[in-house]
C-alpha atoms as a PDB file:
ATOM      1  CA  MET A   1       0.000   0.000   0.000  1.00  0.00           C
ATOM      2  CA  PRO A   2       1.461   3.431  -0.880  1.00  0.00           C
ATOM      3  CA  SER A   3       2.337   5.874   1.878  1.00  0.00           C
ATOM      4  CA  PRO A   4      -0.030   8.770   2.481  1.00  0.00           C
ATOM      5  CA  ASP A   5       1.000  12.219   1.259  1.00  0.00           C
ATOM      6  CA  ILE A   6       1.805  14.165   4.434  1.00  0.00           C
ATOM      7  CA  VAL A   7       2.320  17.909   4.121  1.00  0.00           C
ATOM      8  CA  LEU A   8       3.073  20.360   6.905  1.00  0.00           C
ATOM      9  CA  ILE A   9       2.070  23.898   5.966  1.00  0.00           C
ATOM     10  CA  THR A  10       4.336  26.428   7.712  1.00  0.00           C
ATOM     11  CA  LYS A  11       5.472  30.041   7.650  1.00  0.00           C
ATOM     12  CA  ALA A  12       8.670  31.827   8.627  1.00  0.00           C
ATOM     13  CA  ASP A  13       9.286  32.929  12.220  1.00  0.00           C
ATOM     14  CA  CYS A  14       6.583  30.650  13.605  1.00  0.00           C
ATOM     15  CA  HIS A  15       7.274  28.989  16.958  1.00  0.00           C
ATOM     16  CA  LEU A  16       4.269  26.694  16.541  1.00  0.00           C
ATOM     17  CA  CYS A  17       5.707  25.574  13.198  1.00  0.00           C
ATOM     18  CA  SER A  18       8.945  24.475  14.863  1.00  0.00           C
ATOM     19  CA  ALA A  19       7.017  22.365  17.375  1.00  0.00           C
ATOM     20  CA  ALA A  20       4.826  20.967  14.577  1.00  0.00           C
ATOM     21  CA  ARG A  21       7.908  19.969  12.538  1.00  0.00           C
ATOM     22  CA  ASP A  22       9.236  18.025  15.517  1.00  0.00           C
ATOM     23  CA  ALA A  23       5.875  16.337  16.142  1.00  0.00           C
ATOM     24  CA  VAL A  24       5.325  15.307  12.512  1.00  0.00           C
ATOM     25  CA  ASP A  25       8.903  14.096  12.266  1.00  0.00           C
ATOM     26  CA  ARG A  26       8.590  11.919  15.396  1.00  0.00           C
ATOM     27  CA  VAL A  27       5.332  10.320  14.256  1.00  0.00           C
ATOM     28  CA  THR A  28       6.419   9.659  10.683  1.00  0.00           C
ATOM     29  CA  LYS A  29       9.821   8.287  11.712  1.00  0.00           C
ATOM     30  CA  ASN A  30       8.066   5.897  14.091  1.00  0.00           C
ATOM     31  CA  LEU A  31       5.930   4.660  11.183  1.00  0.00           C
ATOM     32  CA  GLY A  32       8.781   4.625   8.662  1.00  0.00           C
ATOM     33  CA  ILE A  33       7.200   7.089   6.247  1.00  0.00           C
ATOM     34  CA  GLY A  34       8.195  10.461   4.844  1.00  0.00           C
ATOM     35  CA  TRP A  35       6.612  13.893   4.840  1.00  0.00           C
ATOM     36  CA  ARG A  36       7.246  17.276   3.296  1.00  0.00           C
ATOM     37  CA  GLU A  37       6.999  20.882   4.333  1.00  0.00           C
ATOM     38  CA  GLN A  38       5.257  23.577   2.310  1.00  0.00           C
ATOM     39  CA  PRO A  39       5.909  27.159   3.431  1.00  0.00           C
ATOM     40  CA  VAL A  40       3.224  29.745   2.664  1.00  0.00           C
ATOM     41  CA  ASP A  41       5.593  32.719   2.632  1.00  0.00           C
ATOM     42  CA  ASN A  42       5.785  32.869  -1.176  1.00  0.00           C
ATOM     43  CA  ASP A  43       2.452  31.210  -1.933  1.00  0.00           C
ATOM     44  CA  VAL A  44      -0.490  33.631  -1.824  1.00  0.00           C
ATOM     45  CA  GLU A  45      -3.087  30.906  -2.395  1.00  0.00           C
ATOM     46  CA  LEU A  46      -1.884  28.781   0.537  1.00  0.00           C
ATOM     47  CA  ARG A  47      -1.488  31.827   2.772  1.00  0.00           C
ATOM     48  CA  GLU A  48      -5.081  32.897   2.062  1.00  0.00           C
ATOM     49  CA  ARG A  49      -6.460  29.372   2.390  1.00  0.00           C
ATOM     50  CA  PHE A  50      -4.943  28.669   5.810  1.00  0.00           C
ATOM     51  CA  ALA A  51      -4.492  32.225   7.145  1.00  0.00           C
ATOM     52  CA  GLU A  52      -4.351  31.998  10.940  1.00  0.00           C
ATOM     53  CA  GLU A  53      -4.459  28.193  11.203  1.00  0.00           C
ATOM     54  CA  ILE A  54      -0.755  27.682  10.416  1.00  0.00           C
ATOM     55  CA  PRO A  55       0.861  25.257  11.051  1.00  0.00           C
ATOM     56  CA  VAL A  56      -1.478  22.812   9.339  1.00  0.00           C
ATOM     57  CA  VAL A  57      -1.042  19.098   8.683  1.00  0.00           C
ATOM     58  CA  LEU A  58      -2.597  17.674   5.527  1.00  0.00           C
ATOM     59  CA  VAL A  59      -2.870  13.939   4.935  1.00  0.00           C
ATOM     60  CA  ASP A  60      -3.703  13.085   1.340  1.00  0.00           C
ATOM     61  CA  GLY A  61      -4.917  16.650   0.847  1.00  0.00           C
ATOM     62  CA  VAL A  62      -7.266  16.652   3.855  1.00  0.00           C
ATOM     63  CA  GLN A  63      -6.614  19.007   6.769  1.00  0.00           C
ATOM     64  CA  ARG A  64      -6.094  16.835   9.852  1.00  0.00           C
ATOM     65  CA  ASP A  65      -4.723  19.224  12.481  1.00  0.00           C
ATOM     66  CA  PHE A  66      -3.536  22.784  12.997  1.00  0.00           C
ATOM     67  CA  TRP A  67      -1.733  24.988  15.538  1.00  0.00           C
ATOM     68  CA  LYS A  68      -0.595  22.348  18.051  1.00  0.00           C
ATOM     69  CA  ILE A  69      -0.232  18.943  16.429  1.00  0.00           C
ATOM     70  CA  ASP A  70      -1.728  16.080  18.416  1.00  0.00           C
ATOM     71  CA  GLU A  71       0.808  13.293  17.873  1.00  0.00           C
ATOM     72  CA  ALA A  72      -1.496  10.485  19.020  1.00  0.00           C
ATOM     73  CA  ARG A  73      -4.276  11.618  16.678  1.00  0.00           C
ATOM     74  CA  LEU A  74      -1.827  12.030  13.780  1.00  0.00           C
ATOM     75  CA  GLU A  75      -0.435   8.552  14.367  1.00  0.00           C
ATOM     76  CA  ARG A  76      -3.944   7.028  14.414  1.00  0.00           C
ATOM     77  CA  THR A  77      -4.803   8.856  11.195  1.00  0.00           C
ATOM     78  CA  LEU A  78      -1.624   7.671   9.492  1.00  0.00           C
ATOM     79  CA  ARG A  79      -2.009   4.096  10.706  1.00  0.00           C
ATOM     80  CA  ARG A  80      -5.513   4.022   9.202  1.00  0.00           C
ATOM     81  CA  ALA A  81      -4.160   5.473   5.946  1.00  0.00           C
ATOM     82  CA  LEU A  82      -1.479   2.784   5.920  1.00  0.00           C
ATOM     83  CA  GLY A  83      -3.985   0.022   6.711  1.00  0.00           C
ATOM     84  CA  ARG A  84      -2.302  -0.681  10.069  1.00  0.00           C
ATOM     85  CA  GLN A  85      -4.027  -1.092  13.391  1.00  0.00           C
ATOM     86  CA  GLY A  86      -2.789   0.286  16.688  1.00  0.00           C
END
């Protein structure tokens, strides 16, 4: 089964974004999957879409969390996407 597409939407000088990076990295490393970061600083469309919700985690294009990332919830979401229980 292919890995889900995990995107962390961030912006510069964002302390919540730093914490979100760490959280997403811990969860994905534990599951052995990758993720990518998409800054909004030079992307007007993303900046308007997410405005004050940044950081935002998208899984397969669906917003799953924002501001403070709940690692347990993210792991459950990713396990379901991977077809794993736990």
